[in-house]
Amino acid sequence: MKALLITRDGDLQAELAAQGAARVPPLSLGACRSSIQDALDRPLPDQPALVIIDASELDDNDAAHLERLAKHYPGASLMLLTRAHHQELLIRAMRAGVREVLQLPLVHRALHEAIDRVAAAAGVTNMRDGKILAFIACKGGSGATFLSTNFGYALAALADKKVLLIDLHGQFGDATLYVSDQKAAMTLSDVCRHIARLDAAFLESSLVHVSPGFGILAAADDPSQAVELKPEHMDAILRVARQHYDYIVLDVGRQIDAISLRALDNADVIYPILQLGLPDIRDGRRLLDIFRSLGYPIEHTRLIVNRYEKGGKLRLQDLQSALGAEVVHTIPNDYIAVTDSVNQGVPVLRLSRAAPVSRSLADLVELVTARRVVENKGLFDRLFGRADADQ
């Protein structure tokens, strides 16, 4: 999609060019003009889909020319950027056909949402609307990385979804080792370093591909590279990911920092992972208190209990009462199958399809997708029989 930008601000031009390049498909600034009069004097040979007007320095003459500009580009949507909402200017803008008005300095999320509306109106978008699912450990050793990686694989294999997992561990991220023996050629830090190049093809090429429908964006293997990650980078990556993947699974780890907070802000559902023990319950309560202080809706926080065994002194009801949140799923304590999977770096579903943990992951896929993926043993075997045949 091509845009015409009208501004005298070089920094704003560079900012919009970078944000436009990060979109999929990209928003290209076909030209930049210093004023509306300049845009009328030097029209573009091709009609832009979007005209972005910096109203910070508009004078009366420029405001009067808005309608002429709209008539010159009848197929374009008009977007006004302003530092102060002047009533007369807004009235003139509305009469000229302006439908998007954004405040300066730019809020990037608002900018992209406005561009999404323009693209939808122009009929140039045919994107997925991926869901972001964040897995976060309440306590070290809860098994969040095992669950997030193996759930991502199960989601792709059983529900036929295109799935991306992003390893957000600030240090020593090793999500790929749980399901693959491949070494990551690119990491999250590399993607952030080249954020201006970000598009669907670049993101896809940066992944470790575990299966045709499941890829992992690895964490940086050098903790010193974490300084290159910025919250706005996470916004850009997740925006592209939403457009091209059915599900984005975040392995958040335990750290709460600027990057993980931005990721959690974007999540549709957060799955705190804990075991049924007092230390986990204590840390889980602290984590949920943080989420409440951040304004996250409690209905978007869904507990998963890992290594669950019936008959213990602590019951699920006790956990739910202590934390004030619902346990939506339990993963059985299937030590042998999980250990074999982790030690071999092979998804447990591929390694041991009849294992209790494999069945439980299939149930979780069904719960998340609201789709019956395992109706009976025959269907389960056919699904994995086909997967085994492809090895």
Protein backbone atom coordinates (compact mmCIF):
# COMPACT_ATOMS: atom_id res chain seq x y z
CA MET A 1 0.00 0.00 0.00
CA LYS A 2 1.37 3.42 -1.00
CA ALA A 3 1.05 6.62 1.03
CA LEU A 4 1.71 10.30 0.46
CA LEU A 5 3.13 12.12 3.48
CA ILE A 6 2.80 15.87 3.95
CA THR A 7 5.19 17.23 6.59
CA ARG A 8 8.20 19.46 7.16
CA ASP A 9 9.41 17.28 10.04
CA GLY A 10 12.26 15.03 8.95
CA ASP A 11 12.15 12.99 12.15
CA LEU A 12 8.44 12.29 11.70
CA GLN A 13 9.09 11.24 8.12
CA ALA A 14 11.79 8.79 9.25
CA GLU A 15 9.54 7.42 12.01
CA LEU A 16 6.63 6.81 9.64
CA ALA A 17 8.93 5.23 7.06
CA ALA A 18 10.27 2.79 9.67
CA GLN A 19 6.81 1.92 10.97
CA GLY A 20 5.49 1.49 7.46
CA ALA A 21 8.36 -0.82 6.50
CA ALA A 22 7.62 -3.03 9.53
CA ARG A 23 4.11 -3.77 8.32
CA VAL A 24 3.01 -6.75 6.24
CA PRO A 25 2.40 -5.87 3.50
CA PRO A 26 4.56 -2.77 3.95
CA LEU A 27 3.22 0.76 3.83
CA SER A 28 5.43 2.58 1.35
CA LEU A 29 5.87 6.35 1.52
CA GLY A 30 5.65 7.02 -2.19
CA ALA A 31 6.57 10.69 -1.70
CA CYS A 32 6.83 13.43 0.88
CA ARG A 33 5.64 17.01 0.39
CA SER A 34 6.35 19.98 2.64
CA SER A 35 2.81 21.41 2.53
CA ILE A 36 -0.63 20.79 1.10
CA GLN A 37 0.05 23.45 -1.54
CA ASP A 38 3.26 21.62 -2.44
CA ALA A 39 1.28 18.38 -2.75
CA LEU A 40 -1.21 20.08 -5.07
CA ASP A 41 1.56 21.62 -7.16
CA ARG A 42 3.43 18.32 -7.48
CA PRO A 43 0.80 15.58 -7.66
CA LEU A 44 1.74 11.91 -7.69
CA PRO A 45 1.29 10.10 -11.01
CA ASP A 46 -0.32 7.14 -9.20
CA GLN A 47 -3.13 7.43 -6.70
CA PRO A 48 -1.97 6.69 -3.13
CA ALA A 49 -4.20 4.62 -0.86
CA LEU A 50 -3.43 6.91 2.08
CA VAL A 51 -2.56 10.59 2.49
CA ILE A 52 -0.97 11.42 5.86
CA ILE A 53 -1.04 15.10 6.78
CA ASP A 54 1.05 16.58 9.58
CA ALA A 55 -1.23 19.35 10.87
CA SER A 56 1.29 20.70 13.40
CA GLU A 57 2.19 23.64 11.20
CA LEU A 58 -0.89 24.01 9.06
CA ASP A 59 -1.85 27.61 8.38
CA ASP A 60 -5.23 28.92 7.24
CA ASN A 61 -4.33 28.55 3.57
CA ASP A 62 -3.30 24.93 4.04
CA ALA A 63 -6.50 24.15 5.94
CA ALA A 64 -8.54 25.70 3.14
CA HIS A 65 -6.79 23.43 0.61
CA LEU A 66 -7.76 20.20 2.37
CA GLU A 67 -10.91 19.77 0.31
CA ARG A 68 -8.97 20.35 -2.93
CA LEU A 69 -6.47 17.69 -1.87
CA ALA A 70 -9.26 15.22 -1.11
CA LYS A 71 -10.83 15.83 -4.52
CA HIS A 72 -7.45 15.37 -6.20
CA TYR A 73 -7.06 11.92 -4.60
CA PRO A 74 -10.67 10.69 -4.42
CA GLY A 75 -9.69 7.07 -3.78
CA ALA A 76 -7.36 7.84 -0.89
CA SER A 77 -8.07 7.84 2.82
CA LEU A 78 -6.95 10.97 4.67
CA MET A 79 -5.16 10.78 8.04
CA LEU A 80 -4.46 13.89 10.13
CA LEU A 81 -1.62 14.06 12.67
CA THR A 82 -1.94 16.90 15.15
CA ARG A 83 -0.41 18.04 18.44
CA ALA A 84 -3.55 19.86 19.55
CA HIS A 85 -7.19 19.36 18.58
CA HIS A 86 -8.31 22.71 17.15
CA GLN A 87 -12.06 22.60 16.64
CA GLU A 88 -12.08 24.67 13.45
CA LEU A 89 -9.34 22.55 11.91
CA LEU A 90 -11.15 19.32 12.80
CA ILE A 91 -14.40 20.61 11.30
CA ARG A 92 -12.62 21.47 8.06
CA ALA A 93 -10.89 18.11 8.09
CA MET A 94 -14.17 16.25 8.54
CA ARG A 95 -15.73 18.21 5.69
CA ALA A 96 -12.76 17.27 3.52
CA GLY A 97 -13.29 13.59 4.29
CA VAL A 98 -10.65 12.98 6.96
CA ARG A 99 -11.61 9.88 8.94
CA GLU A 100 -8.48 9.23 11.01
CA VAL A 101 -7.06 11.81 13.44
CA LEU A 102 -4.05 10.84 15.56
CA GLN A 103 -2.25 12.74 18.29
CA LEU A 104 1.45 13.63 18.05
CA PRO A 105 3.86 12.35 19.22
CA LEU A 106 2.73 9.13 17.60
CA VAL A 107 1.52 6.15 19.57
CA HIS A 108 2.64 3.35 17.28
CA ARG A 109 -0.12 0.94 18.23
CA ALA A 110 -2.77 3.55 17.45
CA LEU A 111 -1.04 4.34 14.16
CA HIS A 112 -1.07 0.71 13.04
CA GLU A 113 -4.66 0.20 14.11
CA ALA A 114 -5.63 3.21 12.00
CA ILE A 115 -3.65 1.90 9.02
CA ASP A 116 -5.33 -1.49 9.48
CA ARG A 117 -8.72 0.21 9.18
CA VAL A 118 -7.59 2.03 6.04
CA ALA A 119 -6.26 -1.21 4.53
CA ALA A 120 -9.49 -3.06 5.32
CA ALA A 121 -11.56 -0.29 3.74
CA ALA A 122 -9.35 -0.38 0.66
CA GLY A 123 -9.68 -4.16 0.43
CA VAL A 124 -5.91 -4.72 0.38
CA THR A 125 -5.67 -6.94 3.45
CA ASN A 126 -6.19 -10.67 3.65
CA MET A 127 -4.44 -11.48 6.88
CA ARG A 128 -4.85 -13.90 9.73
CA ASP A 129 -5.92 -12.58 13.10
CA GLY A 130 -3.62 -14.65 15.25
CA LYS A 131 -4.17 -15.20 18.95
CA ILE A 132 -1.34 -14.60 21.41
CA LEU A 133 -1.05 -17.12 24.26
CA ALA A 134 1.50 -16.38 26.98
CA PHE A 135 2.92 -19.19 29.15
CA ILE A 136 4.64 -17.91 32.29
CA ALA A 137 6.17 -19.87 35.15
CA CYS A 138 4.98 -19.01 38.64
CA LYS A 139 8.12 -20.61 40.04
CA GLY A 140 11.37 -21.92 38.62
CA GLY A 141 11.07 -25.55 37.55
CA SER A 142 7.32 -25.39 36.96
CA GLY A 143 7.73 -26.84 33.47
CA ALA A 144 6.49 -23.80 31.52
CA THR A 145 9.03 -24.16 28.70
CA PHE A 146 8.28 -27.86 28.24
CA LEU A 147 4.56 -27.13 28.11
CA SER A 148 4.77 -24.10 25.81
CA THR A 149 7.02 -25.83 23.27
CA ASN A 150 5.15 -29.11 23.25
CA PHE A 151 1.78 -27.35 23.21
CA GLY A 152 2.92 -25.30 20.19
CA TYR A 153 3.87 -28.49 18.37
CA ALA A 154 0.56 -30.15 19.33
CA LEU A 155 -1.44 -27.13 18.19
CA ALA A 156 0.19 -27.27 14.75
CA ALA A 157 -0.03 -31.07 14.42
CA LEU A 158 -3.49 -31.75 15.81
CA ALA A 159 -5.43 -28.62 14.91
CA ASP A 160 -3.64 -27.94 11.62
CA LYS A 161 -2.67 -24.42 12.71
CA LYS A 162 0.27 -22.24 11.78
CA VAL A 163 2.05 -21.62 15.08
CA LEU A 164 4.95 -19.41 16.13
CA LEU A 165 6.65 -19.70 19.52
CA ILE A 166 8.78 -16.80 20.78
CA ASP A 167 11.33 -17.54 23.49
CA LEU A 168 11.41 -14.46 25.72
CA HIS A 169 13.87 -15.74 28.29
CA GLY A 170 16.26 -12.85 28.83
CA GLN A 171 19.08 -15.21 29.70
CA PHE A 172 19.82 -18.79 28.75
CA GLY A 173 16.72 -19.32 26.66
CA ASP A 174 16.61 -22.91 25.47
CA ALA A 175 13.10 -23.51 24.13
CA THR A 176 14.41 -24.96 20.86
CA LEU A 177 16.31 -27.72 22.71
CA TYR A 178 13.04 -29.17 24.01
CA VAL A 179 11.70 -30.04 20.57
CA SER A 180 14.59 -29.84 18.08
CA ASP A 181 18.29 -30.53 17.60
CA GLN A 182 18.67 -27.62 15.18
CA LYS A 183 20.84 -24.63 16.08
CA ALA A 184 19.14 -21.28 15.60
CA ALA A 185 20.74 -19.24 12.82
CA MET A 186 18.84 -16.12 13.95
CA THR A 187 17.58 -15.09 17.36
CA LEU A 188 15.15 -12.56 18.79
CA SER A 189 18.04 -10.13 19.21
CA ASP A 190 18.99 -10.48 15.53
CA VAL A 191 15.43 -9.73 14.47
CA CYS A 192 15.34 -6.65 16.71
CA ARG A 193 18.70 -5.48 15.36
CA HIS A 194 17.23 -5.55 11.84
CA ILE A 195 13.72 -4.43 12.79
CA ALA A 196 13.48 -2.15 9.75
CA ARG A 197 13.61 -5.28 7.55
CA LEU A 198 10.83 -7.01 9.45
CA ASP A 199 8.19 -8.59 7.30
CA ALA A 200 6.59 -12.03 7.07
CA ALA A 201 9.37 -13.53 4.96
CA PHE A 202 12.13 -12.19 7.20
CA LEU A 203 10.39 -13.44 10.35
CA GLU A 204 9.78 -16.87 8.84
CA SER A 205 13.41 -17.15 7.74
CA SER A 206 14.55 -16.39 11.30
CA LEU A 207 12.80 -19.40 12.85
CA VAL A 208 13.86 -22.88 13.82
CA HIS A 209 11.29 -24.98 11.97
CA VAL A 210 10.27 -27.92 14.14
CA SER A 211 7.52 -29.01 11.73
CA PRO A 212 5.90 -27.46 8.64
CA GLY A 213 3.38 -25.61 10.80
CA PHE A 214 5.49 -24.85 13.87
CA GLY A 215 8.50 -22.55 14.18
CA ILE A 216 10.43 -21.08 17.11
CA LEU A 217 12.05 -17.66 17.34
CA ALA A 218 14.93 -18.46 19.66
CA ALA A 219 16.10 -16.31 22.55
CA ALA A 220 19.51 -14.65 22.33
CA ASP A 221 22.32 -17.06 23.21
CA ASP A 222 24.37 -14.14 24.57
CA PRO A 223 22.74 -12.30 27.51
CA SER A 224 24.63 -9.12 26.60
CA GLN A 225 22.53 -8.87 23.41
CA ALA A 226 19.38 -8.32 25.45
CA VAL A 227 20.12 -4.58 25.58
CA GLU A 228 19.12 -4.38 21.91
CA LEU A 229 15.54 -5.47 22.67
CA LYS A 230 13.08 -2.63 23.06
CA PRO A 231 9.35 -2.77 23.88
CA GLU A 232 8.46 -1.22 20.52
CA HIS A 233 10.33 -4.06 18.82
CA MET A 234 8.02 -6.52 20.54
CA ASP A 235 5.00 -4.56 19.29
CA ALA A 236 6.28 -4.77 15.70
CA ILE A 237 7.10 -8.48 15.88
CA LEU A 238 3.75 -9.41 17.40
CA ARG A 239 1.88 -7.25 14.90
CA VAL A 240 3.51 -9.07 11.97
CA ALA A 241 3.07 -12.42 13.72
CA ARG A 242 -0.66 -11.86 14.28
CA GLN A 243 -1.11 -11.26 10.57
CA HIS A 244 0.64 -14.45 9.47
CA TYR A 245 0.19 -17.07 12.21
CA ASP A 246 -2.94 -18.58 13.72
CA TYR A 247 -1.38 -18.73 17.18
CA ILE A 248 1.63 -17.04 18.74
CA VAL A 249 2.84 -18.83 21.87
CA LEU A 250 5.07 -16.83 24.21
CA ASP A 251 7.46 -18.62 26.55
CA VAL A 252 7.83 -15.74 29.01
CA GLY A 253 9.91 -17.43 31.69
CA ARG A 254 9.78 -15.78 35.11
CA GLN A 255 11.22 -12.33 34.51
CA ILE A 256 8.96 -9.29 34.55
CA ASP A 257 10.73 -6.57 32.58
CA ALA A 258 9.89 -4.04 29.88
CA ILE A 259 9.99 -6.65 27.10
CA SER A 260 7.93 -9.31 28.87
CA LEU A 261 5.42 -6.71 30.06
CA ARG A 262 4.89 -5.46 26.51
CA ALA A 263 4.42 -9.06 25.37
CA LEU A 264 1.91 -9.73 28.16
CA ASP A 265 0.08 -6.49 27.31
CA ASN A 266 -0.50 -7.93 23.83
CA ALA A 267 -1.54 -11.41 25.00
CA ASP A 268 -5.10 -12.58 24.52
CA VAL A 269 -4.73 -15.21 27.24
CA ILE A 270 -2.07 -15.70 29.93
CA TYR A 271 -1.40 -19.20 31.26
CA PRO A 272 0.50 -19.16 34.58
CA ILE A 273 2.10 -22.59 35.06
CA LEU A 274 2.52 -23.99 38.56
CA GLN A 275 2.66 -27.22 40.50
CA LEU A 276 0.43 -28.11 43.41
CA GLY A 277 2.73 -27.09 46.26
CA LEU A 278 2.92 -24.25 48.77
CA PRO A 279 5.98 -22.51 47.20
CA ASP A 280 4.23 -22.48 43.81
CA ILE A 281 1.01 -21.18 45.34
CA ARG A 282 2.89 -18.40 47.14
CA ASP A 283 4.71 -17.30 43.99
CA GLY A 284 1.54 -17.73 41.93
CA ARG A 285 -0.31 -15.36 44.22
CA ARG A 286 2.44 -12.76 43.85
CA LEU A 287 2.32 -13.08 40.08
CA LEU A 288 -1.46 -12.73 39.94
CA ASP A 289 -1.26 -9.69 42.22
CA ILE A 290 1.10 -8.11 39.67
CA PHE A 291 -1.33 -8.91 36.87
CA ARG A 292 -4.20 -7.34 38.80
CA SER A 293 -2.15 -4.20 39.49
CA LEU A 294 -1.49 -3.98 35.74
CA GLY A 295 -5.20 -4.15 35.01
CA TYR A 296 -5.18 -7.54 33.26
CA PRO A 297 -8.70 -9.03 33.29
CA ILE A 298 -8.86 -12.02 35.60
CA GLU A 299 -10.86 -13.96 32.99
CA HIS A 300 -7.85 -13.75 30.64
CA THR A 301 -5.62 -15.43 33.24
CA ARG A 302 -6.07 -19.21 33.22
CA LEU A 303 -4.07 -21.46 35.51
CA ILE A 304 -2.49 -24.72 34.37
CA VAL A 305 -1.30 -27.16 37.03
CA ASN A 306 1.64 -29.25 35.88
CA ARG A 307 2.72 -32.67 37.24
CA TYR A 308 -0.70 -33.08 38.83
CA GLU A 309 -1.46 -36.19 40.88
CA LYS A 310 -4.83 -36.90 42.40
CA GLY A 311 -5.16 -37.70 46.06
CA GLY A 312 -2.64 -35.21 47.46
CA LYS A 313 -3.22 -33.18 50.60
CA LEU A 314 -3.55 -30.00 48.52
CA ARG A 315 -6.58 -30.00 46.25
CA LEU A 316 -7.34 -27.96 43.13
CA GLN A 317 -10.15 -26.25 45.05
CA ASP A 318 -7.61 -25.09 47.64
CA LEU A 319 -5.42 -23.65 44.91
CA GLN A 320 -8.28 -21.83 43.23
CA SER A 321 -9.48 -20.38 46.52
CA ALA A 322 -5.99 -19.18 47.45
CA LEU A 323 -5.33 -17.54 44.08
CA GLY A 324 -8.81 -16.37 43.13
CA ALA A 325 -8.41 -17.78 39.63
CA GLU A 326 -9.68 -20.84 37.81
CA VAL A 327 -7.58 -23.89 36.98
CA VAL A 328 -8.54 -24.62 33.39
CA HIS A 329 -6.32 -27.65 32.84
CA THR A 330 -4.05 -30.13 34.56
CA ILE A 331 -1.05 -31.95 33.11
CA PRO A 332 -0.40 -35.39 34.67
CA ASN A 333 2.90 -36.32 36.32
CA ASP A 334 4.26 -38.42 33.45
CA TYR A 335 7.92 -38.39 34.46
CA ILE A 336 9.32 -41.04 32.11
CA ALA A 337 7.70 -39.71 28.92
CA VAL A 338 8.63 -36.10 29.72
CA THR A 339 12.22 -36.97 30.63
CA ASP A 340 12.69 -39.01 27.45
CA SER A 341 11.27 -36.15 25.39
CA VAL A 342 13.48 -33.49 26.98
CA ASN A 343 16.64 -35.60 26.83
CA GLN A 344 16.14 -36.40 23.15
CA GLY A 345 14.86 -32.96 22.12
CA VAL A 346 11.82 -34.52 20.46
CA PRO A 347 8.20 -33.40 21.02
CA VAL A 348 6.53 -35.80 23.41
CA LEU A 349 3.60 -36.23 21.01
CA ARG A 350 5.97 -37.48 18.33
CA LEU A 351 7.98 -39.63 20.70
CA SER A 352 5.21 -41.23 22.76
CA ARG A 353 1.78 -40.63 21.35
CA ALA A 354 0.01 -42.87 23.89
CA ALA A 355 1.61 -41.25 26.94
CA PRO A 356 -0.75 -39.57 29.43
CA VAL A 357 1.00 -36.23 28.96
CA SER A 358 0.45 -36.50 25.19
CA ARG A 359 -3.26 -37.10 25.73
CA SER A 360 -3.41 -34.15 28.09
CA LEU A 361 -1.73 -31.85 25.56
CA ALA A 362 -4.29 -32.96 22.96
CA ASP A 363 -7.05 -32.05 25.43
CA LEU A 364 -5.45 -28.62 25.93
CA VAL A 365 -5.40 -28.06 22.16
CA GLU A 366 -9.09 -28.93 22.08
CA LEU A 367 -9.77 -26.54 24.95
CA VAL A 368 -7.90 -23.63 23.33
CA THR A 369 -9.26 -24.08 19.82
CA ALA A 370 -12.77 -25.13 20.87
CA ARG A 371 -12.38 -27.89 18.33
CA ARG A 372 -12.71 -31.62 18.82
CA VAL A 373 -9.29 -32.91 17.72
CA VAL A 374 -9.36 -36.32 19.36
CA GLU A 375 -12.73 -37.99 19.11
CA ASN A 376 -11.47 -41.48 19.66
CA LYS A 377 -8.31 -43.56 19.71
CA GLY A 378 -8.59 -44.34 16.02
CA LEU A 379 -8.52 -40.69 15.00
CA PHE A 380 -5.61 -39.99 17.36
CA ASP A 381 -3.66 -42.88 15.88
CA ARG A 382 -4.45 -41.82 12.32
CA LEU A 383 -3.24 -38.30 13.03
CA PHE A 384 0.04 -39.48 14.50
CA GLY A 385 0.38 -42.41 12.19
CA ARG A 386 0.50 -39.91 9.35
CA ALA A 387 3.00 -37.77 11.27
CA ASP A 388 5.21 -40.80 11.91
CA ALA A 389 5.07 -41.74 8.26
CA ASP A 390 6.41 -38.34 7.34
CA GLN A 391 9.54 -38.71 9.47
